[in-house]
Amino acid sequence: MSVDNQFEPLLSGEVLSVDESTQLLIGNRTFRVDEFLEVIRMQLEGLEGWNQDKNGWFSEKGISAEVLRFTAKGWQKGTVRISLEFVPEETETQKSPALNTGGTSPEQEELPIIGMMG
């Protein structure tokens, strides 16, 4: 599966931390998703021709739109909005096959109770 298919939208209150060299529009390395989207919206509001209707791009509701997708046979009506997406890096435990072949993860296995006498 390609990385593109693993991206998931971030919720507005979730927090990002980026490298200082990649900071964009916000003076902090750590910020909430909604703060970042608000700064982008405010930057765009300064452009000529901006109006209240265009704020919908950044709302939960979005704006009415049509899309011509690779998988569709024509234009599809719907709604679009601007959001941020994230895909986690694979950790060593995600990359290597599980050593346990019993069908349960190590977290699901019962641990023996030591030092208890009945």
C-alpha atoms as a PDB file:
ATOM      1  CA  MET A   1       0.000   0.000   0.000  1.00  0.00           C
ATOM      2  CA  SER A   2       1.395   3.404  -0.877  1.00  0.00           C
ATOM      3  CA  VAL A   3       1.877   6.117   1.747  1.00  0.00           C
ATOM      4  CA  ASP A   4      -0.730   8.286  -0.036  1.00  0.00           C
ATOM      5  CA  ASN A   5      -3.474   5.818   0.892  1.00  0.00           C
ATOM      6  CA  GLN A   6      -2.526   5.809   4.578  1.00  0.00           C
ATOM      7  CA  PHE A   7      -3.039   9.531   5.265  1.00  0.00           C
ATOM      8  CA  GLU A   8      -5.847  10.313   7.709  1.00  0.00           C
ATOM      9  CA  PRO A   9      -7.429  13.730   8.343  1.00  0.00           C
ATOM     10  CA  LEU A  10      -6.410  15.429  11.579  1.00  0.00           C
ATOM     11  CA  LEU A  11      -9.144  16.795  13.853  1.00  0.00           C
ATOM     12  CA  SER A  12      -9.218  20.523  14.584  1.00  0.00           C
ATOM     13  CA  GLY A  13      -8.001  20.293  18.205  1.00  0.00           C
ATOM     14  CA  GLU A  14      -5.161  17.860  17.523  1.00  0.00           C
ATOM     15  CA  VAL A  15      -1.629  19.217  17.942  1.00  0.00           C
ATOM     16  CA  LEU A  16       1.223  19.238  15.428  1.00  0.00           C
ATOM     17  CA  SER A  17       4.930  19.716  16.031  1.00  0.00           C
ATOM     18  CA  VAL A  18       7.135  20.470  13.016  1.00  0.00           C
ATOM     19  CA  ASP A  19      10.838  21.103  12.477  1.00  0.00           C
ATOM     20  CA  GLU A  20      11.823  24.742  12.810  1.00  0.00           C
ATOM     21  CA  SER A  21      13.048  24.752   9.197  1.00  0.00           C
ATOM     22  CA  THR A  22       9.554  23.843   7.933  1.00  0.00           C
ATOM     23  CA  GLN A  23       7.491  26.281  10.057  1.00  0.00           C
ATOM     24  CA  LEU A  24       4.869  28.020   7.959  1.00  0.00           C
ATOM     25  CA  LEU A  25       2.871  31.128   8.937  1.00  0.00           C
ATOM     26  CA  ILE A  26       2.966  30.355  12.689  1.00  0.00           C
ATOM     27  CA  GLY A  27       5.866  31.402  14.914  1.00  0.00           C
ATOM     28  CA  ASN A  28       5.693  28.220  16.999  1.00  0.00           C
ATOM     29  CA  ARG A  29       6.885  24.723  16.171  1.00  0.00           C
ATOM     30  CA  THR A  30       3.897  23.271  18.048  1.00  0.00           C
ATOM     31  CA  PHE A  31       0.312  24.294  17.243  1.00  0.00           C
ATOM     32  CA  ARG A  32      -3.242  22.987  16.913  1.00  0.00           C
ATOM     33  CA  VAL A  33      -4.630  22.058  13.503  1.00  0.00           C
ATOM     34  CA  ASP A  34      -7.419  24.646  13.798  1.00  0.00           C
ATOM     35  CA  GLU A  35      -4.862  27.386  14.617  1.00  0.00           C
ATOM     36  CA  PHE A  36      -2.928  26.605  11.445  1.00  0.00           C
ATOM     37  CA  LEU A  37      -6.036  26.547   9.252  1.00  0.00           C
ATOM     38  CA  GLU A  38      -7.192  29.847  10.782  1.00  0.00           C
ATOM     39  CA  VAL A  39      -3.845  31.509   9.977  1.00  0.00           C
ATOM     40  CA  ILE A  40      -4.117  30.321   6.363  1.00  0.00           C
ATOM     41  CA  ARG A  41      -7.687  31.659   6.155  1.00  0.00           C
ATOM     42  CA  MET A  42      -6.616  35.016   7.617  1.00  0.00           C
ATOM     43  CA  GLN A  43      -3.796  35.294   5.079  1.00  0.00           C
ATOM     44  CA  LEU A  44      -6.230  34.652   2.252  1.00  0.00           C
ATOM     45  CA  GLU A  45      -8.752  37.169   3.633  1.00  0.00           C
ATOM     46  CA  GLY A  46      -6.207  39.873   2.848  1.00  0.00           C
ATOM     47  CA  LEU A  47      -6.401  39.086  -0.854  1.00  0.00           C
ATOM     48  CA  GLU A  48      -8.564  41.145  -3.169  1.00  0.00           C
ATOM     49  CA  GLY A  49     -11.906  39.510  -3.903  1.00  0.00           C
ATOM     50  CA  TRP A  50     -12.135  37.565  -0.623  1.00  0.00           C
ATOM     51  CA  ASN A  51     -15.657  37.295   0.795  1.00  0.00           C
ATOM     52  CA  GLN A  52     -17.508  35.461   3.585  1.00  0.00           C
ATOM     53  CA  ASP A  53     -18.560  32.639   1.247  1.00  0.00           C
ATOM     54  CA  LYS A  54     -14.912  31.697   0.759  1.00  0.00           C
ATOM     55  CA  ASN A  55     -14.513  31.106   4.515  1.00  0.00           C
ATOM     56  CA  GLY A  56     -16.516  27.918   3.890  1.00  0.00           C
ATOM     57  CA  TRP A  57     -13.363  26.274   2.535  1.00  0.00           C
ATOM     58  CA  PHE A  58     -12.145  26.144   6.165  1.00  0.00           C
ATOM     59  CA  SER A  59     -15.417  25.186   7.869  1.00  0.00           C
ATOM     60  CA  GLU A  60     -16.579  21.733   8.984  1.00  0.00           C
ATOM     61  CA  LYS A  61     -19.420  22.032   6.463  1.00  0.00           C
ATOM     62  CA  GLY A  62     -17.177  22.909   3.493  1.00  0.00           C
ATOM     63  CA  ILE A  63     -18.407  24.336   0.190  1.00  0.00           C
ATOM     64  CA  SER A  64     -20.416  22.901  -2.694  1.00  0.00           C
ATOM     65  CA  ALA A  65     -18.223  21.600  -5.485  1.00  0.00           C
ATOM     66  CA  GLU A  66     -17.885  19.072  -8.258  1.00  0.00           C
ATOM     67  CA  VAL A  67     -14.930  16.756  -8.714  1.00  0.00           C
ATOM     68  CA  LEU A  68     -13.690  14.742 -11.676  1.00  0.00           C
ATOM     69  CA  ARG A  69     -11.973  11.786 -10.013  1.00  0.00           C
ATOM     70  CA  PHE A  70      -9.757   9.162 -11.601  1.00  0.00           C
ATOM     71  CA  THR A  71     -12.137   6.430 -10.441  1.00  0.00           C
ATOM     72  CA  ALA A  72     -15.387   8.086 -11.559  1.00  0.00           C
ATOM     73  CA  LYS A  73     -17.079   8.093 -14.953  1.00  0.00           C
ATOM     74  CA  GLY A  74     -17.866  11.806 -14.827  1.00  0.00           C
ATOM     75  CA  TRP A  75     -18.275  14.824 -12.603  1.00  0.00           C
ATOM     76  CA  GLN A  76     -19.489  14.068  -9.077  1.00  0.00           C
ATOM     77  CA  LYS A  77     -21.316  16.704  -7.003  1.00  0.00           C
ATOM     78  CA  GLY A  78     -20.502  17.048  -3.332  1.00  0.00           C
ATOM     79  CA  THR A  79     -18.701  19.122  -0.751  1.00  0.00           C
ATOM     80  CA  VAL A  80     -15.030  20.024  -0.305  1.00  0.00           C
ATOM     81  CA  ARG A  81     -13.034  21.608   2.524  1.00  0.00           C
ATOM     82  CA  ILE A  82      -9.410  22.288   3.375  1.00  0.00           C
ATOM     83  CA  SER A  83      -7.889  20.037   6.046  1.00  0.00           C
ATOM     84  CA  LEU A  84      -4.565  18.599   7.170  1.00  0.00           C
ATOM     85  CA  GLU A  85      -3.721  14.920   6.908  1.00  0.00           C
ATOM     86  CA  PHE A  86      -1.135  12.792   8.690  1.00  0.00           C
ATOM     87  CA  VAL A  87       0.456   9.387   8.213  1.00  0.00           C
ATOM     88  CA  PRO A  88       2.596   7.899  11.014  1.00  0.00           C
ATOM     89  CA  GLU A  89       6.042   6.527  10.283  1.00  0.00           C
ATOM     90  CA  GLU A  90       6.346   2.772  10.558  1.00  0.00           C
ATOM     91  CA  THR A  91       7.984   1.668  13.780  1.00  0.00           C
ATOM     92  CA  GLU A  92      10.207  -1.387  14.057  1.00  0.00           C
ATOM     93  CA  THR A  93       7.339  -3.374  15.597  1.00  0.00           C
ATOM     94  CA  GLN A  94       5.083  -2.470  12.667  1.00  0.00           C
ATOM     95  CA  LYS A  95       7.746  -3.462  10.115  1.00  0.00           C
ATOM     96  CA  SER A  96       8.717  -6.841  11.568  1.00  0.00           C
ATOM     97  CA  PRO A  97       6.318  -9.790  11.672  1.00  0.00           C
ATOM     98  CA  ALA A  98       5.011 -10.705  15.100  1.00  0.00           C
ATOM     99  CA  LEU A  99       7.007 -13.381  16.887  1.00  0.00           C
ATOM    100  CA  ASN A 100       3.830 -14.652  18.502  1.00  0.00           C
ATOM    101  CA  THR A 101       2.048 -17.035  16.137  1.00  0.00           C
ATOM    102  CA  GLY A 102      -0.961 -17.620  18.388  1.00  0.00           C
ATOM    103  CA  GLY A 103      -3.004 -14.865  16.758  1.00  0.00           C
ATOM    104  CA  THR A 104      -2.836 -12.447  19.690  1.00  0.00           C
ATOM    105  CA  SER A 105      -0.587  -9.478  20.152  1.00  0.00           C
ATOM    106  CA  PRO A 106       1.877  -9.461  23.049  1.00  0.00           C
ATOM    107  CA  GLU A 107      -0.355  -6.874  24.772  1.00  0.00           C
ATOM    108  CA  GLN A 108      -3.290  -9.310  24.644  1.00  0.00           C
ATOM    109  CA  GLU A 109      -1.435 -12.269  26.133  1.00  0.00           C
ATOM    110  CA  GLU A 110      -1.990 -13.059  29.819  1.00  0.00           C
ATOM    111  CA  LEU A 111       1.034 -12.555  32.012  1.00  0.00           C
ATOM    112  CA  PRO A 112       1.727 -15.070  34.818  1.00  0.00           C
ATOM    113  CA  ILE A 113       1.104 -13.813  38.336  1.00  0.00           C
ATOM    114  CA  ILE A 114       4.293 -14.227  40.369  1.00  0.00           C
ATOM    115  CA  GLY A 115       4.540 -14.319  44.138  1.00  0.00           C
ATOM    116  CA  MET A 116       0.871 -14.980  44.903  1.00  0.00           C
ATOM    117  CA  MET A 117       0.044 -17.920  47.134  1.00  0.00           C
ATOM    118  CA  GLY A 118      -3.419 -19.318  47.445  1.00  0.00           C
END
